[in-house]
C-alpha atoms as a PDB file:
ATOM      1  CA  UNK A   1       0.000   0.000   0.000  1.00  0.00           C
ATOM      2  CA  UNK A   2       2.842   2.378   0.899  1.00  0.00           C
ATOM      3  CA  UNK A   3       4.458   1.704  -2.473  1.00  0.00           C
ATOM      4  CA  UNK A   4       1.214   2.551  -4.276  1.00  0.00           C
ATOM      5  CA  UNK A   5       0.897   5.822  -2.354  1.00  0.00           C
ATOM      6  CA  UNK A   6       4.516   6.715  -3.161  1.00  0.00           C
ATOM      7  CA  UNK A   7       3.937   5.956  -6.850  1.00  0.00           C
ATOM      8  CA  UNK A   8       0.839   8.173  -6.890  1.00  0.00           C
ATOM      9  CA  UNK A   9       2.743  10.985  -5.192  1.00  0.00           C
ATOM     10  CA  UNK A  10       5.597  10.685  -7.688  1.00  0.00           C
ATOM     11  CA  UNK A  11       3.146  10.726 -10.564  1.00  0.00           C
ATOM     12  CA  UNK A  12       1.433  13.838  -9.211  1.00  0.00           C
ATOM     13  CA  UNK A  13       4.819  15.536  -8.765  1.00  0.00           C
ATOM     14  CA  UNK A  14       5.788  14.654 -12.339  1.00  0.00           C
ATOM     15  CA  UNK A  15       2.526  16.130 -13.655  1.00  0.00           C
ATOM     16  CA  UNK A  16       3.079  19.303 -11.642  1.00  0.00           C
ATOM     17  CA  UNK A  17       6.630  19.615 -12.933  1.00  0.00           C
ATOM     18  CA  UNK A  18       5.402  19.143 -16.512  1.00  0.00           C
ATOM     19  CA  UNK A  19       2.970  22.028 -16.004  1.00  0.00           C
ATOM     20  CA  UNK A  20       5.746  24.203 -14.559  1.00  0.00           C
ATOM     21  CA  UNK A  21       7.960  23.486 -17.560  1.00  0.00           C
ATOM     22  CA  UNK A  22       5.189  24.300 -20.033  1.00  0.00           C
ATOM     23  CA  UNK A  23       4.604  27.615 -18.258  1.00  0.00           C
ATOM     24  CA  UNK A  24       8.319  28.451 -18.321  1.00  0.00           C
ATOM     25  CA  UNK A  25       8.478  27.730 -22.060  1.00  0.00           C
ATOM     26  CA  UNK A  26       5.395  29.884 -22.644  1.00  0.00           C
ATOM     27  CA  UNK A  27       6.961  32.678 -20.576  1.00  0.00           C
ATOM     28  CA  UNK A  28      10.165  32.533 -22.612  1.00  0.00           C
ATOM     29  CA  UNK A  29       8.125  32.753 -25.804  1.00  0.00           C
ATOM     30  CA  UNK A  30       5.703  35.476 -24.714  1.00  0.00           C
ATOM     31  CA  UNK A  31       8.152  37.655 -22.781  1.00  0.00           C
ATOM     32  CA  UNK A  32      11.492  37.114 -24.523  1.00  0.00           C
ATOM     33  CA  UNK A  33      10.418  35.789 -27.970  1.00  0.00           C
ATOM     34  CA  UNK A  34      12.497  32.594 -27.712  1.00  0.00           C
ATOM     35  CA  UNK A  35      10.541  29.524 -28.729  1.00  0.00           C
ATOM     36  CA  UNK A  36      11.675  26.308 -27.035  1.00  0.00           C
ATOM     37  CA  UNK A  37       8.254  24.657 -27.182  1.00  0.00           C
ATOM     38  CA  UNK A  38       9.431  22.233 -29.864  1.00  0.00           C
ATOM     39  CA  UNK A  39      12.529  21.150 -27.957  1.00  0.00           C
ATOM     40  CA  UNK A  40      12.800  17.637 -26.565  1.00  0.00           C
ATOM     41  CA  UNK A  41      11.076  17.630 -23.190  1.00  0.00           C
ATOM     42  CA  UNK A  42      13.657  15.266 -21.704  1.00  0.00           C
ATOM     43  CA  UNK A  43      16.495  17.669 -22.537  1.00  0.00           C
ATOM     44  CA  UNK A  44      14.563  20.771 -21.445  1.00  0.00           C
ATOM     45  CA  UNK A  45      13.522  19.142 -18.177  1.00  0.00           C
ATOM     46  CA  UNK A  46      17.063  18.081 -17.339  1.00  0.00           C
ATOM     47  CA  UNK A  47      18.512  21.516 -18.057  1.00  0.00           C
ATOM     48  CA  UNK A  48      15.802  23.452 -16.223  1.00  0.00           C
ATOM     49  CA  UNK A  49      16.288  21.269 -13.152  1.00  0.00           C
ATOM     50  CA  UNK A  50      20.023  21.943 -13.275  1.00  0.00           C
ATOM     51  CA  UNK A  51      19.454  25.682 -13.639  1.00  0.00           C
ATOM     52  CA  UNK A  52      16.907  25.719 -10.798  1.00  0.00           C
ATOM     53  CA  UNK A  53      19.481  24.137  -8.503  1.00  0.00           C
ATOM     54  CA  UNK A  54      22.315  26.363  -9.747  1.00  0.00           C
ATOM     55  CA  UNK A  55      20.311  29.557  -9.130  1.00  0.00           C
ATOM     56  CA  UNK A  56      19.103  28.307  -5.749  1.00  0.00           C
ATOM     57  CA  UNK A  57      15.354  28.159  -6.383  1.00  0.00           C
ATOM     58  CA  UNK A  58      13.354  25.638  -4.394  1.00  0.00           C
ATOM     59  CA  UNK A  59      10.923  24.944  -7.230  1.00  0.00           C
ATOM     60  CA  UNK A  60      10.549  25.567 -10.936  1.00  0.00           C
ATOM     61  CA  UNK A  61       7.540  27.740 -10.070  1.00  0.00           C
ATOM     62  CA  UNK A  62       9.822  30.030  -8.066  1.00  0.00           C
ATOM     63  CA  UNK A  63      12.138  30.268 -11.071  1.00  0.00           C
ATOM     64  CA  UNK A  64       9.115  31.027 -13.284  1.00  0.00           C
ATOM     65  CA  UNK A  65       8.113  33.902 -11.010  1.00  0.00           C
ATOM     66  CA  UNK A  66      11.615  35.327 -11.226  1.00  0.00           C
ATOM     67  CA  UNK A  67      11.589  34.892 -15.011  1.00  0.00           C
ATOM     68  CA  UNK A  68       8.391  36.925 -15.260  1.00  0.00           C
ATOM     69  CA  UNK A  69       9.499  39.759 -12.985  1.00  0.00           C
ATOM     70  CA  UNK A  70      13.297  39.952 -13.344  1.00  0.00           C
ATOM     71  CA  UNK A  71      14.476  40.639 -16.915  1.00  0.00           C
ATOM     72  CA  UNK A  72      18.010  39.515 -16.062  1.00  0.00           C
ATOM     73  CA  UNK A  73      16.855  35.910 -15.572  1.00  0.00           C
ATOM     74  CA  UNK A  74      15.688  35.479 -19.166  1.00  0.00           C
ATOM     75  CA  UNK A  75      19.129  35.481 -20.836  1.00  0.00           C
ATOM     76  CA  UNK A  76      20.399  33.029 -18.215  1.00  0.00           C
ATOM     77  CA  UNK A  77      17.597  30.581 -18.982  1.00  0.00           C
ATOM     78  CA  UNK A  78      18.055  30.954 -22.750  1.00  0.00           C
ATOM     79  CA  UNK A  79      21.801  30.429 -22.419  1.00  0.00           C
ATOM     80  CA  UNK A  80      21.345  27.327 -20.294  1.00  0.00           C
ATOM     81  CA  UNK A  81      18.830  25.797 -22.697  1.00  0.00           C
ATOM     82  CA  UNK A  82      21.004  26.390 -25.756  1.00  0.00           C
ATOM     83  CA  UNK A  83      24.548  25.791 -24.536  1.00  0.00           C
ATOM     84  CA  UNK A  84      26.226  23.063 -26.579  1.00  0.00           C
ATOM     85  CA  UNK A  85      29.352  21.171 -25.625  1.00  0.00           C
ATOM     86  CA  UNK A  86      31.622  21.157 -28.657  1.00  0.00           C
ATOM     87  CA  UNK A  87      35.247  20.898 -29.703  1.00  0.00           C
ATOM     88  CA  UNK A  88      37.240  21.580 -32.831  1.00  0.00           C
ATOM     89  CA  UNK A  89      37.167  18.807 -35.449  1.00  0.00           C
ATOM     90  CA  UNK A  90      34.787  16.852 -33.235  1.00  0.00           C
ATOM     91  CA  UNK A  91      34.328  13.379 -34.714  1.00  0.00           C
ATOM     92  CA  UNK A  92      37.427  13.688 -36.952  1.00  0.00           C
ATOM     93  CA  UNK A  93      36.122  11.109 -39.418  1.00  0.00           C
ATOM     94  CA  UNK A  94      33.296  13.524 -40.321  1.00  0.00           C
ATOM     95  CA  UNK A  95      35.798  16.214 -41.293  1.00  0.00           C
ATOM     96  CA  UNK A  96      37.945  13.679 -43.124  1.00  0.00           C
ATOM     97  CA  UNK A  97      34.873  12.665 -45.133  1.00  0.00           C
ATOM     98  CA  UNK A  98      34.202  16.313 -45.981  1.00  0.00           C
ATOM     99  CA  UNK A  99      37.824  16.697 -47.050  1.00  0.00           C
ATOM    100  CA  UNK A 100      37.967  13.534 -49.160  1.00  0.00           C
ATOM    101  CA  UNK A 101      34.442  13.301 -50.597  1.00  0.00           C
ATOM    102  CA  UNK A 102      32.669  16.668 -50.426  1.00  0.00           C
ATOM    103  CA  UNK A 103      35.524  19.096 -51.139  1.00  0.00           C
ATOM    104  CA  UNK A 104      36.182  17.646 -54.648  1.00  0.00           C
ATOM    105  CA  UNK A 105      32.591  18.580 -55.561  1.00  0.00           C
ATOM    106  CA  UNK A 106      32.853  22.009 -53.968  1.00  0.00           C
ATOM    107  CA  UNK A 107      35.980  22.743 -56.010  1.00  0.00           C
ATOM    108  CA  UNK A 108      33.810  22.852 -59.140  1.00  0.00           C
ATOM    109  CA  UNK A 109      32.015  26.036 -57.987  1.00  0.00           C
ATOM    110  CA  UNK A 110      33.513  29.503 -58.508  1.00  0.00           C
ATOM    111  CA  UNK A 111      32.076  30.716 -55.201  1.00  0.00           C
ATOM    112  CA  UNK A 112      30.688  28.934 -52.153  1.00  0.00           C
ATOM    113  CA  UNK A 113      28.334  29.569 -49.258  1.00  0.00           C
ATOM    114  CA  UNK A 114      28.607  27.467 -46.089  1.00  0.00           C
ATOM    115  CA  UNK A 115      26.167  27.625 -43.193  1.00  0.00           C
ATOM    116  CA  UNK A 116      27.173  26.415 -39.727  1.00  0.00           C
ATOM    117  CA  UNK A 117      23.763  26.223 -38.051  1.00  0.00           C
ATOM    118  CA  UNK A 118      23.766  26.173 -34.263  1.00  0.00           C
ATOM    119  CA  UNK A 119      27.403  27.246 -34.184  1.00  0.00           C
ATOM    120  CA  UNK A 120      27.530  27.600 -30.379  1.00  0.00           C
ATOM    121  CA  UNK A 121      30.905  29.032 -29.315  1.00  0.00           C
ATOM    122  CA  UNK A 122      32.433  28.590 -32.764  1.00  0.00           C
ATOM    123  CA  UNK A 123      34.520  25.427 -32.638  1.00  0.00           C
ATOM    124  CA  UNK A 124      32.876  23.911 -35.702  1.00  0.00           C
ATOM    125  CA  UNK A 125      33.141  27.114 -37.706  1.00  0.00           C
ATOM    126  CA  UNK A 126      36.888  27.389 -37.039  1.00  0.00           C
ATOM    127  CA  UNK A 127      37.293  23.724 -37.938  1.00  0.00           C
ATOM    128  CA  UNK A 128      35.648  24.312 -41.310  1.00  0.00           C
ATOM    129  CA  UNK A 129      37.505  27.576 -41.912  1.00  0.00           C
ATOM    130  CA  UNK A 130      40.834  25.818 -41.321  1.00  0.00           C
ATOM    131  CA  UNK A 131      39.820  22.846 -43.476  1.00  0.00           C
ATOM    132  CA  UNK A 132      38.758  25.163 -46.317  1.00  0.00           C
ATOM    133  CA  UNK A 133      42.019  27.096 -46.033  1.00  0.00           C
ATOM    134  CA  UNK A 134      44.027  23.888 -46.196  1.00  0.00           C
ATOM    135  CA  UNK A 135      42.066  22.771 -49.249  1.00  0.00           C
ATOM    136  CA  UNK A 136      42.445  26.110 -51.028  1.00  0.00           C
ATOM    137  CA  UNK A 137      38.744  26.996 -50.886  1.00  0.00           C
ATOM    138  CA  UNK A 138      38.737  29.711 -48.227  1.00  0.00           C
ATOM    139  CA  UNK A 139      39.014  32.707 -50.534  1.00  0.00           C
ATOM    140  CA  UNK A 140      36.018  31.663 -52.621  1.00  0.00           C
ATOM    141  CA  UNK A 141      33.851  30.849 -49.585  1.00  0.00           C
ATOM    142  CA  UNK A 142      31.467  32.921 -47.471  1.00  0.00           C
ATOM    143  CA  UNK A 143      30.621  31.376 -44.118  1.00  0.00           C
ATOM    144  CA  UNK A 144      27.481  31.998 -42.081  1.00  0.00           C
ATOM    145  CA  UNK A 145      27.662  30.916 -38.441  1.00  0.00           C
ATOM    146  CA  UNK A 146      24.360  31.235 -36.613  1.00  0.00           C
ATOM    147  CA  UNK A 147      22.912  30.590 -33.183  1.00  0.00           C
ATOM    148  CA  UNK A 148      20.193  32.007 -30.921  1.00  0.00           C
ATOM    149  CA  UNK A 149      22.511  32.246 -27.913  1.00  0.00           C
ATOM    150  CA  UNK A 150      23.972  35.769 -27.879  1.00  0.00           C
ATOM    151  CA  UNK A 151      26.712  34.779 -25.445  1.00  0.00           C
ATOM    152  CA  UNK A 152      27.759  31.871 -27.645  1.00  0.00           C
ATOM    153  CA  UNK A 153      27.911  34.110 -30.725  1.00  0.00           C
ATOM    154  CA  UNK A 154      30.077  36.582 -28.827  1.00  0.00           C
ATOM    155  CA  UNK A 155      32.459  33.782 -27.830  1.00  0.00           C
ATOM    156  CA  UNK A 156      32.518  32.474 -31.403  1.00  0.00           C
ATOM    157  CA  UNK A 157      33.385  35.873 -32.830  1.00  0.00           C
ATOM    158  CA  UNK A 158      36.222  36.230 -30.293  1.00  0.00           C
ATOM    159  CA  UNK A 159      37.752  32.831 -31.141  1.00  0.00           C
ATOM    160  CA  UNK A 160      39.468  32.420 -27.763  1.00  0.00           C
ATOM    161  CA  UNK A 161      39.547  29.050 -25.994  1.00  0.00           C
ATOM    162  CA  UNK A 162      41.168  27.674 -22.881  1.00  0.00           C
ATOM    163  CA  UNK A 163      44.635  26.377 -23.641  1.00  0.00           C
ATOM    164  CA  UNK A 164      43.960  23.066 -21.910  1.00  0.00           C
ATOM    165  CA  UNK A 165      41.505  22.214 -24.707  1.00  0.00           C
ATOM    166  CA  UNK A 166      44.054  22.673 -27.486  1.00  0.00           C
ATOM    167  CA  UNK A 167      45.668  19.246 -27.150  1.00  0.00           C
ATOM    168  CA  UNK A 168      42.352  17.568 -27.929  1.00  0.00           C
ATOM    169  CA  UNK A 169      41.684  20.000 -30.784  1.00  0.00           C
ATOM    170  CA  UNK A 170      45.136  19.229 -32.208  1.00  0.00           C
ATOM    171  CA  UNK A 171      44.653  15.463 -32.076  1.00  0.00           C
ATOM    172  CA  UNK A 172      41.268  15.787 -33.781  1.00  0.00           C
ATOM    173  CA  UNK A 173      42.752  18.014 -36.482  1.00  0.00           C
ATOM    174  CA  UNK A 174      45.477  15.492 -37.235  1.00  0.00           C
ATOM    175  CA  UNK A 175      42.986  12.616 -37.377  1.00  0.00           C
ATOM    176  CA  UNK A 176      40.767  14.624 -39.735  1.00  0.00           C
ATOM    177  CA  UNK A 177      43.564  14.678 -42.309  1.00  0.00           C
ATOM    178  CA  UNK A 178      44.905  18.109 -41.439  1.00  0.00           C
ATOM    179  CA  UNK A 179      47.557  19.338 -43.875  1.00  0.00           C
ATOM    180  CA  UNK A 180      49.302  21.638 -41.402  1.00  0.00           C
ATOM    181  CA  UNK A 181      49.854  22.127 -37.692  1.00  0.00           C
ATOM    182  CA  UNK A 182      46.937  23.546 -35.738  1.00  0.00           C
ATOM    183  CA  UNK A 183      49.448  25.791 -33.959  1.00  0.00           C
ATOM    184  CA  UNK A 184      49.767  27.708 -37.244  1.00  0.00           C
ATOM    185  CA  UNK A 185      46.306  29.126 -36.608  1.00  0.00           C
ATOM    186  CA  UNK A 186      46.468  30.451 -33.034  1.00  0.00           C
ATOM    187  CA  UNK A 187      48.657  32.275 -30.553  1.00  0.00           C
ATOM    188  CA  UNK A 188      48.867  31.209 -26.925  1.00  0.00           C
ATOM    189  CA  UNK A 189      49.142  33.491 -23.890  1.00  0.00           C
ATOM    190  CA  UNK A 190      47.887  33.589 -20.301  1.00  0.00           C
ATOM    191  CA  UNK A 191      46.274  30.164 -20.482  1.00  0.00           C
ATOM    192  CA  UNK A 192      44.257  31.019 -23.601  1.00  0.00           C
ATOM    193  CA  UNK A 193      44.556  30.219 -27.294  1.00  0.00           C
ATOM    194  CA  UNK A 194      43.440  33.013 -29.606  1.00  0.00           C
ATOM    195  CA  UNK A 195      42.644  31.921 -33.155  1.00  0.00           C
ATOM    196  CA  UNK A 196      43.929  34.010 -36.033  1.00  0.00           C
ATOM    197  CA  UNK A 197      41.742  36.975 -36.913  1.00  0.00           C
ATOM    198  CA  UNK A 198      42.200  36.137 -40.614  1.00  0.00           C
ATOM    199  CA  UNK A 199      40.011  33.058 -40.109  1.00  0.00           C
ATOM    200  CA  UNK A 200      37.105  35.418 -39.395  1.00  0.00           C
ATOM    201  CA  UNK A 201      37.504  37.621 -42.464  1.00  0.00           C
ATOM    202  CA  UNK A 202      34.946  35.646 -44.469  1.00  0.00           C
ATOM    203  CA  UNK A 203      32.305  34.834 -41.857  1.00  0.00           C
ATOM    204  CA  UNK A 204      29.080  36.454 -40.716  1.00  0.00           C
ATOM    205  CA  UNK A 205      28.073  35.595 -37.159  1.00  0.00           C
ATOM    206  CA  UNK A 206      24.337  36.105 -36.822  1.00  0.00           C
ATOM    207  CA  UNK A 207      21.309  35.386 -34.665  1.00  0.00           C
ATOM    208  CA  UNK A 208      19.083  32.853 -36.420  1.00  0.00           C
ATOM    209  CA  UNK A 209      16.464  30.553 -34.928  1.00  0.00           C
ATOM    210  CA  UNK A 210      15.837  27.185 -36.530  1.00  0.00           C
ATOM    211  CA  UNK A 211      12.476  27.249 -34.763  1.00  0.00           C
ATOM    212  CA  UNK A 212      11.033  30.455 -36.181  1.00  0.00           C
ATOM    213  CA  UNK A 213      13.305  32.020 -38.819  1.00  0.00           C
ATOM    214  CA  UNK A 214      13.267  31.448 -42.566  1.00  0.00           C
ATOM    215  CA  UNK A 215      15.729  30.695 -45.345  1.00  0.00           C
ATOM    216  CA  UNK A 216      18.315  33.451 -45.861  1.00  0.00           C
ATOM    217  CA  UNK A 217      20.449  32.206 -48.756  1.00  0.00           C
ATOM    218  CA  UNK A 218      21.372  29.412 -51.135  1.00  0.00           C
ATOM    219  CA  UNK A 219      24.026  27.247 -49.519  1.00  0.00           C
ATOM    220  CA  UNK A 220      26.452  24.727 -50.947  1.00  0.00           C
ATOM    221  CA  UNK A 221      27.071  23.087 -47.576  1.00  0.00           C
ATOM    222  CA  UNK A 222      25.128  23.155 -44.325  1.00  0.00           C
ATOM    223  CA  UNK A 223      26.726  21.664 -41.244  1.00  0.00           C
ATOM    224  CA  UNK A 224      24.340  21.324 -38.303  1.00  0.00           C
ATOM    225  CA  UNK A 225      25.685  18.764 -35.890  1.00  0.00           C
ATOM    226  CA  UNK A 226      24.245  17.666 -32.558  1.00  0.00           C
ATOM    227  CA  UNK A 227      21.438  20.212 -32.638  1.00  0.00           C
ATOM    228  CA  UNK A 228      18.510  18.130 -33.901  1.00  0.00           C
ATOM    229  CA  UNK A 229      18.859  15.732 -30.961  1.00  0.00           C
ATOM    230  CA  UNK A 230      17.436  18.501 -28.763  1.00  0.00           C
ATOM    231  CA  UNK A 231      14.308  18.918 -30.948  1.00  0.00           C
ATOM    232  CA  UNK A 232      11.073  16.945 -30.992  1.00  0.00           C
ATOM    233  CA  UNK A 233      10.003  15.197 -34.204  1.00  0.00           C
ATOM    234  CA  UNK A 234       7.914  18.092 -35.476  1.00  0.00           C
ATOM    235  CA  UNK A 235      10.697  20.624 -35.045  1.00  0.00           C
ATOM    236  CA  UNK A 236      13.222  18.240 -36.575  1.00  0.00           C
ATOM    237  CA  UNK A 237      11.003  18.031 -39.658  1.00  0.00           C
ATOM    238  CA  UNK A 238      10.711  21.817 -39.850  1.00  0.00           C
ATOM    239  CA  UNK A 239      14.466  22.179 -39.605  1.00  0.00           C
ATOM    240  CA  UNK A 240      15.240  19.566 -42.262  1.00  0.00           C
ATOM    241  CA  UNK A 241      12.712  21.272 -44.535  1.00  0.00           C
ATOM    242  CA  UNK A 242      14.438  24.591 -43.897  1.00  0.00           C
ATOM    243  CA  UNK A 243      17.798  23.060 -44.801  1.00  0.00           C
ATOM    244  CA  UNK A 244      16.362  21.533 -47.963  1.00  0.00           C
ATOM    245  CA  UNK A 245      14.998  24.917 -49.021  1.00  0.00           C
ATOM    246  CA  UNK A 246      18.333  26.569 -48.165  1.00  0.00           C
ATOM    247  CA  UNK A 247      20.549  24.254 -50.223  1.00  0.00           C
ATOM    248  CA  UNK A 248      21.321  24.529 -53.907  1.00  0.00           C
ATOM    249  CA  UNK A 249      20.552  21.456 -55.974  1.00  0.00           C
ATOM    250  CA  UNK A 250      23.156  18.804 -55.191  1.00  0.00           C
ATOM    251  CA  UNK A 251      24.242  20.777 -52.107  1.00  0.00           C
ATOM    252  CA  UNK A 252      25.419  18.931 -48.989  1.00  0.00           C
ATOM    253  CA  UNK A 253      24.050  18.542 -45.483  1.00  0.00           C
ATOM    254  CA  UNK A 254      26.080  17.236 -42.541  1.00  0.00           C
ATOM    255  CA  UNK A 255      24.432  16.096 -39.301  1.00  0.00           C
ATOM    256  CA  UNK A 256      25.694  14.738 -35.986  1.00  0.00           C
ATOM    257  CA  UNK A 257      26.654  11.125 -35.427  1.00  0.00           C
ATOM    258  CA  UNK A 258      23.393  10.365 -33.584  1.00  0.00           C
ATOM    259  CA  UNK A 259      21.177  12.211 -36.057  1.00  0.00           C
ATOM    260  CA  UNK A 260      19.527  10.973 -39.233  1.00  0.00           C
ATOM    261  CA  UNK A 261      17.129  11.879 -42.026  1.00  0.00           C
ATOM    262  CA  UNK A 262      15.649   8.404 -41.950  1.00  0.00           C
ATOM    263  CA  UNK A 263      12.341   9.320 -40.297  1.00  0.00           C
ATOM    264  CA  UNK A 264      12.049  12.857 -41.628  1.00  0.00           C
ATOM    265  CA  UNK A 265       9.142  13.918 -43.811  1.00  0.00           C
ATOM    266  CA  UNK A 266      11.786  15.536 -46.047  1.00  0.00           C
ATOM    267  CA  UNK A 267      14.011  12.474 -46.400  1.00  0.00           C
ATOM    268  CA  UNK A 268      13.111  12.109 -50.083  1.00  0.00           C
ATOM    269  CA  UNK A 269      14.698  15.493 -50.802  1.00  0.00           C
ATOM    270  CA  UNK A 270      18.112  13.976 -50.051  1.00  0.00           C
ATOM    271  CA  UNK A 271      20.222  11.012 -51.000  1.00  0.00           C
ATOM    272  CA  UNK A 272      22.851   9.358 -48.844  1.00  0.00           C
ATOM    273  CA  UNK A 273      26.330  10.596 -49.691  1.00  0.00           C
ATOM    274  CA  UNK A 274      28.609   9.391 -46.894  1.00  0.00           C
ATOM    275  CA  UNK A 275      25.990   7.713 -44.747  1.00  0.00           C
ATOM    276  CA  UNK A 276      28.295   6.488 -41.980  1.00  0.00           C
ATOM    277  CA  UNK A 277      29.273  10.133 -41.339  1.00  0.00           C
ATOM    278  CA  UNK A 278      25.710  11.452 -41.739  1.00  0.00           C
ATOM    279  CA  UNK A 279      26.511  13.452 -44.862  1.00  0.00           C
ATOM    280  CA  UNK A 280      23.666  13.800 -47.352  1.00  0.00           C
ATOM    281  CA  UNK A 281      23.274  15.406 -50.786  1.00  0.00           C
ATOM    282  CA  UNK A 282      20.186  17.231 -51.946  1.00  0.00           C
ATOM    283  CA  UNK A 283      18.502  15.582 -54.889  1.00  0.00           C
ATOM    284  CA  UNK A 284      18.967  17.128 -58.320  1.00  0.00           C
ATOM    285  CA  UNK A 285      15.300  17.924 -58.909  1.00  0.00           C
END
């Protein structure tokens, strides 16, 4: 009997928490114009619990009250919900596949547009910028690195990372088929590595929401890795449709290692290109 009562209490608490989370997401949308309602509830729940504890609120309802009445809380919540853990040349085999299989196709174009969607603090953009420089494509390429997290975009545009991360970045770069030393691209001082300003000469860092914003150009390559895993099925479909509309015919889309087009309503718009690395090509029709 005690177990049944405990189960009922847990169930009631879960329902209450679900209501709190829905209200927080509505508050973010109505008050701050950030729409997280299509994000995976499991991910949102985990992050909001962590933020509640970090900020010292007893309940999510208390955090909701603060969100509604203290404008400074909003950016903290948005930042916590969108922060992505990344590294340069993450999953080196993905970048090797770009280098060996996608770059030969990109060489045939006189000019290129590359979109790094959900760029977070910039590690993937710098990885692609270095790869394109090594392959002789940088000067014909315009990069667009977008995110909804203003703090992340600021960090990306600065291009400064803790020096203790560089060893991992360097190993990844080598495994990706790097044609130079990563140390050619940064200077180190005071425990930080600052990446060469020249890598940012051909990039636009911009606020863009995959949830609400529209197509803004015709891209030859879109790299959006480890972002879709935070979306529910409906928002994943919207995003894949957005990418399809944003790519030129026979353009390329790269996703994260745990992401796929397999169950997307827009899967027919693409064909597998390097499937094991989640690289797809838009159909030529």
